[in-house]
Amino acid sequence: MALELLLLPIKKSKIFIKDAENGYLVPYSETMDEDLLVSQMADKILFALESDIESMYQASYDLAKHYLKPEMLEAWRKLLMPIQ
């Protein structure tokens, strides 16, 4: 099984990544010290390598299931029904 790492800006990543549940978030800003960023990323990679990847995958699937087509259609139906 391959280890997949997804690096996104933390503001946008919080929607799909729950820190230490289905991935790891590293705080980032364009002005932060590069050595600090590299150190924090290395730490998170080590955490990921030592983590229970299967439970992280399951947590990702559980989070993503709310965005599947049937769930999204139901959410839109509930939103639009009062408008009729």
N, C-alpha and C. Protein backbone atom coordinates (compact mmCIF):
# COMPACT_ATOMS: atom_id res chain seq x y z
N MET A 1 0.85 -1.17 0.00
CA MET A 1 0.00 0.00 0.00
C MET A 1 0.90 1.23 0.00
N ALA A 2 0.61 2.17 -0.86
CA ALA A 2 1.40 3.40 -0.96
C ALA A 2 0.89 4.44 0.03
N LEU A 3 1.80 5.20 0.55
CA LEU A 3 1.45 6.30 1.45
C LEU A 3 1.24 7.54 0.59
N GLU A 4 0.08 8.13 0.70
CA GLU A 4 -0.23 9.31 -0.09
C GLU A 4 -0.19 10.52 0.83
N LEU A 5 0.53 11.55 0.40
CA LEU A 5 0.58 12.78 1.17
C LEU A 5 -0.04 13.88 0.34
N LEU A 6 -0.90 14.63 0.95
CA LEU A 6 -1.57 15.74 0.28
C LEU A 6 -1.19 17.01 1.01
N LEU A 7 -0.58 17.92 0.30
CA LEU A 7 -0.16 19.18 0.89
C LEU A 7 -0.97 20.30 0.26
N LEU A 8 -1.79 20.94 1.07
CA LEU A 8 -2.63 22.05 0.62
C LEU A 8 -2.53 23.18 1.63
N PRO A 9 -2.85 24.38 1.23
CA PRO A 9 -2.91 25.46 2.22
C PRO A 9 -3.88 25.08 3.32
N ILE A 10 -3.50 25.34 4.57
CA ILE A 10 -4.27 24.85 5.73
C ILE A 10 -5.70 25.36 5.74
N LYS A 11 -5.97 26.57 5.27
CA LYS A 11 -7.34 27.10 5.30
C LYS A 11 -8.27 26.24 4.47
N LYS A 12 -7.84 25.82 3.31
CA LYS A 12 -8.69 25.00 2.44
C LYS A 12 -8.67 23.54 2.84
N SER A 13 -7.58 23.08 3.41
CA SER A 13 -7.45 21.67 3.77
C SER A 13 -8.34 21.27 4.92
N LYS A 14 -8.71 22.20 5.80
CA LYS A 14 -9.48 21.84 6.99
C LYS A 14 -10.84 21.25 6.65
N ILE A 15 -11.34 21.49 5.45
CA ILE A 15 -12.63 20.93 5.06
C ILE A 15 -12.53 19.41 4.91
N PHE A 16 -11.44 18.94 4.33
CA PHE A 16 -11.31 17.53 4.01
C PHE A 16 -10.29 16.79 4.85
N ILE A 17 -9.44 17.51 5.56
CA ILE A 17 -8.43 16.87 6.39
C ILE A 17 -8.66 17.25 7.84
N LYS A 18 -8.87 16.25 8.65
CA LYS A 18 -9.00 16.44 10.09
C LYS A 18 -7.67 15.98 10.70
N ASP A 19 -6.94 16.94 11.24
CA ASP A 19 -5.58 16.69 11.71
C ASP A 19 -5.52 15.48 12.65
N ALA A 20 -4.63 14.56 12.32
CA ALA A 20 -4.36 13.33 13.07
C ALA A 20 -5.49 12.30 12.99
N GLU A 21 -6.55 12.59 12.24
CA GLU A 21 -7.62 11.61 12.04
C GLU A 21 -7.50 10.96 10.66
N ASN A 22 -7.37 11.80 9.63
CA ASN A 22 -7.24 11.25 8.29
C ASN A 22 -6.08 11.90 7.52
N GLY A 23 -5.23 12.57 8.24
CA GLY A 23 -4.06 13.21 7.66
C GLY A 23 -3.44 14.15 8.68
N TYR A 24 -2.49 14.92 8.22
CA TYR A 24 -1.83 15.86 9.11
C TYR A 24 -1.74 17.21 8.43
N LEU A 25 -2.03 18.24 9.19
CA LEU A 25 -1.96 19.61 8.68
C LEU A 25 -0.68 20.27 9.20
N VAL A 26 -0.05 21.02 8.32
CA VAL A 26 1.15 21.77 8.69
C VAL A 26 0.83 23.24 8.48
N PRO A 27 0.92 24.05 9.54
CA PRO A 27 0.68 25.48 9.37
C PRO A 27 1.66 26.06 8.36
N TYR A 28 1.17 26.96 7.53
CA TYR A 28 2.01 27.53 6.48
C TYR A 28 1.64 28.98 6.22
N SER A 29 2.65 29.77 5.98
CA SER A 29 2.45 31.12 5.45
C SER A 29 3.65 31.42 4.57
N GLU A 30 3.45 32.30 3.62
CA GLU A 30 4.53 32.63 2.68
C GLU A 30 5.71 33.29 3.38
N THR A 31 5.49 33.83 4.55
CA THR A 31 6.55 34.54 5.26
C THR A 31 7.25 33.69 6.32
N MET A 32 6.80 32.45 6.52
CA MET A 32 7.39 31.65 7.59
C MET A 32 8.79 31.17 7.20
N ASP A 33 9.59 30.90 8.20
CA ASP A 33 10.94 30.42 8.02
C ASP A 33 10.94 29.07 7.30
N GLU A 34 11.70 28.95 6.24
CA GLU A 34 11.72 27.73 5.43
C GLU A 34 12.22 26.53 6.23
N ASP A 35 13.22 26.72 7.07
CA ASP A 35 13.73 25.60 7.89
C ASP A 35 12.66 25.09 8.85
N LEU A 36 11.89 26.01 9.42
CA LEU A 36 10.80 25.61 10.31
C LEU A 36 9.75 24.81 9.54
N LEU A 37 9.39 25.29 8.36
CA LEU A 37 8.40 24.58 7.54
C LEU A 37 8.89 23.17 7.20
N VAL A 38 10.13 23.06 6.77
CA VAL A 38 10.69 21.75 6.42
C VAL A 38 10.70 20.83 7.63
N SER A 39 11.08 21.36 8.78
CA SER A 39 11.10 20.57 10.01
C SER A 39 9.71 20.08 10.38
N GLN A 40 8.71 20.97 10.31
CA GLN A 40 7.34 20.58 10.64
C GLN A 40 6.80 19.55 9.65
N MET A 41 7.11 19.71 8.39
CA MET A 41 6.66 18.75 7.38
C MET A 41 7.31 17.39 7.61
N ALA A 42 8.60 17.39 7.94
CA ALA A 42 9.31 16.13 8.21
C ALA A 42 8.69 15.42 9.41
N ASP A 43 8.37 16.19 10.45
CA ASP A 43 7.72 15.59 11.63
C ASP A 43 6.40 14.94 11.26
N LYS A 44 5.60 15.62 10.45
CA LYS A 44 4.29 15.09 10.06
C LYS A 44 4.43 13.86 9.18
N ILE A 45 5.45 13.84 8.32
CA ILE A 45 5.69 12.66 7.49
C ILE A 45 6.04 11.47 8.38
N LEU A 46 6.88 11.69 9.38
CA LEU A 46 7.21 10.61 10.31
C LEU A 46 5.98 10.13 11.06
N PHE A 47 5.14 11.06 11.52
CA PHE A 47 3.88 10.67 12.17
C PHE A 47 3.04 9.81 11.23
N ALA A 48 2.96 10.22 9.98
CA ALA A 48 2.15 9.48 9.00
C ALA A 48 2.69 8.07 8.80
N LEU A 49 4.00 7.94 8.73
CA LEU A 49 4.60 6.62 8.54
C LEU A 49 4.36 5.70 9.73
N GLU A 50 4.18 6.28 10.91
CA GLU A 50 3.96 5.49 12.12
C GLU A 50 2.48 5.32 12.45
N SER A 51 1.61 5.92 11.66
CA SER A 51 0.17 5.91 11.95
C SER A 51 -0.52 4.67 11.38
N ASP A 52 -1.72 4.46 11.88
CA ASP A 52 -2.58 3.40 11.37
C ASP A 52 -3.24 3.92 10.10
N ILE A 53 -2.64 3.64 8.98
CA ILE A 53 -3.09 4.18 7.69
C ILE A 53 -4.50 3.71 7.36
N GLU A 54 -4.83 2.47 7.69
CA GLU A 54 -6.18 1.96 7.39
C GLU A 54 -7.26 2.78 8.09
N SER A 55 -7.04 3.12 9.35
CA SER A 55 -8.05 3.92 10.05
C SER A 55 -8.11 5.34 9.48
N MET A 56 -6.98 5.84 9.00
CA MET A 56 -6.98 7.16 8.37
C MET A 56 -7.77 7.13 7.05
N TYR A 57 -7.58 6.05 6.27
CA TYR A 57 -8.36 5.90 5.04
C TYR A 57 -9.85 5.87 5.37
N GLN A 58 -10.23 5.10 6.39
CA GLN A 58 -11.64 4.99 6.76
C GLN A 58 -12.19 6.33 7.20
N ALA A 59 -11.41 7.09 7.96
CA ALA A 59 -11.85 8.42 8.38
C ALA A 59 -12.06 9.33 7.17
N SER A 60 -11.21 9.19 6.16
CA SER A 60 -11.38 9.99 4.93
C SER A 60 -12.66 9.61 4.21
N TYR A 61 -12.92 8.31 4.09
CA TYR A 61 -14.15 7.86 3.43
C TYR A 61 -15.39 8.33 4.19
N ASP A 62 -15.33 8.25 5.52
CA ASP A 62 -16.47 8.69 6.33
C ASP A 62 -16.73 10.18 6.14
N LEU A 63 -15.68 10.96 6.06
CA LEU A 63 -15.83 12.40 5.85
C LEU A 63 -16.35 12.70 4.45
N ALA A 64 -15.85 11.98 3.46
CA ALA A 64 -16.21 12.25 2.07
C ALA A 64 -17.61 11.77 1.70
N LYS A 65 -18.15 10.81 2.45
CA LYS A 65 -19.46 10.26 2.06
C LYS A 65 -20.56 11.31 2.08
N HIS A 66 -20.37 12.38 2.82
CA HIS A 66 -21.36 13.46 2.84
C HIS A 66 -21.41 14.22 1.52
N TYR A 67 -20.40 14.01 0.68
CA TYR A 67 -20.32 14.72 -0.60
C TYR A 67 -20.64 13.81 -1.78
N LEU A 68 -21.12 12.61 -1.51
CA LEU A 68 -21.52 11.71 -2.59
C LEU A 68 -22.82 12.20 -3.22
N LYS A 69 -23.06 11.77 -4.43
CA LYS A 69 -24.21 12.25 -5.19
C LYS A 69 -25.54 12.11 -4.45
N PRO A 70 -25.88 10.94 -3.88
CA PRO A 70 -27.19 10.85 -3.20
C PRO A 70 -27.34 11.83 -2.04
N GLU A 71 -26.28 12.00 -1.27
CA GLU A 71 -26.34 12.92 -0.14
C GLU A 71 -26.46 14.37 -0.61
N MET A 72 -25.74 14.72 -1.65
CA MET A 72 -25.81 16.08 -2.19
C MET A 72 -27.18 16.35 -2.80
N LEU A 73 -27.75 15.39 -3.50
CA LEU A 73 -29.08 15.56 -4.08
C LEU A 73 -30.13 15.77 -2.99
N GLU A 74 -30.01 15.02 -1.91
CA GLU A 74 -30.95 15.17 -0.80
C GLU A 74 -30.80 16.55 -0.15
N ALA A 75 -29.57 17.00 0.01
CA ALA A 75 -29.35 18.33 0.59
C ALA A 75 -29.96 19.42 -0.28
N TRP A 76 -29.80 19.31 -1.60
CA TRP A 76 -30.38 20.30 -2.52
C TRP A 76 -31.91 20.22 -2.49
N ARG A 77 -32.44 18.97 -2.40
CA ARG A 77 -33.89 18.81 -2.37
C ARG A 77 -34.46 19.52 -1.14
N LYS A 78 -33.84 19.32 0.01
CA LYS A 78 -34.31 19.97 1.24
C LYS A 78 -34.21 21.48 1.15
N LEU A 79 -33.19 21.96 0.47
CA LEU A 79 -33.02 23.39 0.33
C LEU A 79 -34.06 24.00 -0.62
N LEU A 80 -34.36 23.30 -1.70
CA LEU A 80 -35.22 23.87 -2.73
C LEU A 80 -36.71 23.58 -2.52
N MET A 81 -37.07 22.59 -1.75
CA MET A 81 -38.48 22.26 -1.55
C MET A 81 -39.29 23.44 -1.01
N PRO A 82 -38.83 24.21 -0.04
CA PRO A 82 -39.64 25.34 0.45
C PRO A 82 -39.86 26.44 -0.61
N ILE A 83 -39.02 26.48 -1.63
CA ILE A 83 -39.13 27.50 -2.65
C ILE A 83 -40.32 27.22 -3.58
N GLN A 84 -40.66 25.98 -3.77
CA GLN A 84 -41.74 25.61 -4.68
C GLN A 84 -42.98 26.23 -4.19
